[in-house]
Amino acid sequence: MLAAVGGKVAGLLAASPGPLGGLRGLVTVRSILGNIGVLVLPEQFAVGKAHEAFGEDGSLKDPKQRQAVESIGARVAQVAAALQGKS
């Protein structure tokens, strides 16, 4: 386990121009992070056709996609707080 990341919490997100949005790569990232002691949440989200999915300000155009990303971020914060006894 690497001291800098061991015990950290991660939610996985990906974006790519392909239709799957980098989904297949998340399998590898999940494996690597798990092997170095990161608690990887089961929730994940991939944005396909990313070149069309984001507005000029960098935000996701689709409210459902934006909500999915925000939900994963909130879940990471919730789990991290619980692990630190701050829930």
C-alpha atoms as a PDB file:
ATOM      1  CA  MET A   1       0.000   0.000   0.000  1.00  0.00           C
ATOM      2  CA  LEU A   2       1.265   3.482  -0.854  1.00  0.00           C
ATOM      3  CA  ALA A   3       1.177   5.800   2.155  1.00  0.00           C
ATOM      4  CA  ALA A   4      -0.073   8.795   0.163  1.00  0.00           C
ATOM      5  CA  VAL A   5      -3.210   7.036  -1.082  1.00  0.00           C
ATOM      6  CA  GLY A   6      -3.874   4.199   1.340  1.00  0.00           C
ATOM      7  CA  GLY A   7      -7.218   4.604   3.042  1.00  0.00           C
ATOM      8  CA  LYS A   8      -8.424   7.290   0.639  1.00  0.00           C
ATOM      9  CA  VAL A   9     -11.856   7.119  -0.971  1.00  0.00           C
ATOM     10  CA  ALA A  10     -12.441   7.357  -4.719  1.00  0.00           C
ATOM     11  CA  GLY A  11     -15.413   7.545  -7.025  1.00  0.00           C
ATOM     12  CA  LEU A  12     -14.650   6.841 -10.656  1.00  0.00           C
ATOM     13  CA  LEU A  13     -15.528   9.149 -13.537  1.00  0.00           C
ATOM     14  CA  ALA A  14     -14.422   9.126 -17.148  1.00  0.00           C
ATOM     15  CA  ALA A  15     -15.097  11.055 -20.325  1.00  0.00           C
ATOM     16  CA  SER A  16     -14.047  10.342 -23.885  1.00  0.00           C
ATOM     17  CA  PRO A  17     -15.187  11.092 -27.419  1.00  0.00           C
ATOM     18  CA  GLY A  18     -16.253   7.474 -27.901  1.00  0.00           C
ATOM     19  CA  PRO A  19     -19.763   6.249 -27.198  1.00  0.00           C
ATOM     20  CA  LEU A  20     -18.754   4.403 -24.008  1.00  0.00           C
ATOM     21  CA  GLY A  21     -17.059   7.439 -22.488  1.00  0.00           C
ATOM     22  CA  GLY A  22     -14.005   5.597 -21.197  1.00  0.00           C
ATOM     23  CA  LEU A  23     -16.086   3.031 -19.334  1.00  0.00           C
ATOM     24  CA  ARG A  24     -13.766   0.141 -20.188  1.00  0.00           C
ATOM     25  CA  GLY A  25     -10.770   2.006 -18.773  1.00  0.00           C
ATOM     26  CA  LEU A  26     -12.491   2.371 -15.422  1.00  0.00           C
ATOM     27  CA  VAL A  27     -12.174  -1.380 -14.874  1.00  0.00           C
ATOM     28  CA  THR A  28      -8.390  -1.060 -14.954  1.00  0.00           C
ATOM     29  CA  VAL A  29      -8.356   2.090 -12.819  1.00  0.00           C
ATOM     30  CA  ARG A  30     -10.601   0.378 -10.252  1.00  0.00           C
ATOM     31  CA  SER A  31      -8.227  -2.582 -10.084  1.00  0.00           C
ATOM     32  CA  ILE A  32      -5.114  -0.458  -9.706  1.00  0.00           C
ATOM     33  CA  LEU A  33      -6.601   1.783  -7.032  1.00  0.00           C
ATOM     34  CA  GLY A  34      -7.937  -1.185  -5.086  1.00  0.00           C
ATOM     35  CA  ASN A  35      -4.513  -2.821  -5.169  1.00  0.00           C
ATOM     36  CA  ILE A  36      -2.819   0.227  -3.639  1.00  0.00           C
ATOM     37  CA  GLY A  37      -5.271   0.548  -0.749  1.00  0.00           C
ATOM     38  CA  VAL A  38      -7.828   3.028  -2.068  1.00  0.00           C
ATOM     39  CA  LEU A  39     -11.445   2.369  -1.151  1.00  0.00           C
ATOM     40  CA  VAL A  40     -13.145   2.579  -4.556  1.00  0.00           C
ATOM     41  CA  LEU A  41     -16.880   3.129  -4.386  1.00  0.00           C
ATOM     42  CA  PRO A  42     -19.080   0.963  -6.591  1.00  0.00           C
ATOM     43  CA  GLU A  43     -20.647   4.043  -8.162  1.00  0.00           C
ATOM     44  CA  GLN A  44     -19.040   5.205 -11.380  1.00  0.00           C
ATOM     45  CA  PHE A  45     -20.036   7.236 -14.409  1.00  0.00           C
ATOM     46  CA  ALA A  46     -18.708   7.647 -17.930  1.00  0.00           C
ATOM     47  CA  VAL A  47     -19.572  10.489 -20.288  1.00  0.00           C
ATOM     48  CA  GLY A  48     -19.663   9.366 -23.892  1.00  0.00           C
ATOM     49  CA  LYS A  49     -19.240  11.762 -26.805  1.00  0.00           C
ATOM     50  CA  ALA A  50     -17.538  14.146 -24.415  1.00  0.00           C
ATOM     51  CA  HIS A  51     -16.727  16.570 -27.216  1.00  0.00           C
ATOM     52  CA  GLU A  52     -20.483  17.226 -27.393  1.00  0.00           C
ATOM     53  CA  ALA A  53     -21.372  16.769 -23.710  1.00  0.00           C
ATOM     54  CA  PHE A  54     -19.756  19.855 -22.181  1.00  0.00           C
ATOM     55  CA  GLY A  55     -20.681  23.497 -22.554  1.00  0.00           C
ATOM     56  CA  GLU A  56     -18.205  26.301 -23.107  1.00  0.00           C
ATOM     57  CA  ASP A  57     -18.036  26.867 -19.345  1.00  0.00           C
ATOM     58  CA  GLY A  58     -16.972  23.238 -18.822  1.00  0.00           C
ATOM     59  CA  SER A  59     -20.222  22.065 -17.268  1.00  0.00           C
ATOM     60  CA  LEU A  60     -22.167  19.088 -18.512  1.00  0.00           C
ATOM     61  CA  LYS A  61     -25.067  20.092 -20.739  1.00  0.00           C
ATOM     62  CA  ASP A  62     -27.306  17.173 -19.765  1.00  0.00           C
ATOM     63  CA  PRO A  63     -28.851  17.647 -16.299  1.00  0.00           C
ATOM     64  CA  LYS A  64     -29.021  13.872 -15.724  1.00  0.00           C
ATOM     65  CA  GLN A  65     -25.318  13.490 -16.423  1.00  0.00           C
ATOM     66  CA  ARG A  66     -24.516  16.479 -14.221  1.00  0.00           C
ATOM     67  CA  GLN A  67     -26.589  14.956 -11.409  1.00  0.00           C
ATOM     68  CA  ALA A  68     -24.817  11.599 -11.776  1.00  0.00           C
ATOM     69  CA  VAL A  69     -21.406  13.245 -11.453  1.00  0.00           C
ATOM     70  CA  GLU A  70     -22.509  15.382  -8.497  1.00  0.00           C
ATOM     71  CA  SER A  71     -23.995  12.314  -6.808  1.00  0.00           C
ATOM     72  CA  ILE A  72     -20.708  10.434  -7.026  1.00  0.00           C
ATOM     73  CA  GLY A  73     -18.831  13.422  -5.618  1.00  0.00           C
ATOM     74  CA  ALA A  74     -21.295  13.705  -2.752  1.00  0.00           C
ATOM     75  CA  ARG A  75     -20.991   9.992  -2.027  1.00  0.00           C
ATOM     76  CA  VAL A  76     -17.192  10.219  -1.914  1.00  0.00           C
ATOM     77  CA  ALA A  77     -17.459  13.087   0.579  1.00  0.00           C
ATOM     78  CA  GLN A  78     -20.022  11.176   2.657  1.00  0.00           C
ATOM     79  CA  VAL A  79     -17.938   8.005   2.874  1.00  0.00           C
ATOM     80  CA  ALA A  80     -14.709   9.902   3.579  1.00  0.00           C
ATOM     81  CA  ALA A  81     -16.409  11.826   6.385  1.00  0.00           C
ATOM     82  CA  ALA A  82     -17.833   8.621   7.853  1.00  0.00           C
ATOM     83  CA  LEU A  83     -14.403   6.998   7.821  1.00  0.00           C
ATOM     84  CA  GLN A  84     -13.001   9.983   9.703  1.00  0.00           C
ATOM     85  CA  GLY A  85     -15.837   9.801  12.238  1.00  0.00           C
ATOM     86  CA  LYS A  86     -17.404  13.072  11.066  1.00  0.00           C
ATOM     87  CA  SER A  87     -20.719  11.748   9.802  1.00  0.00           C
END
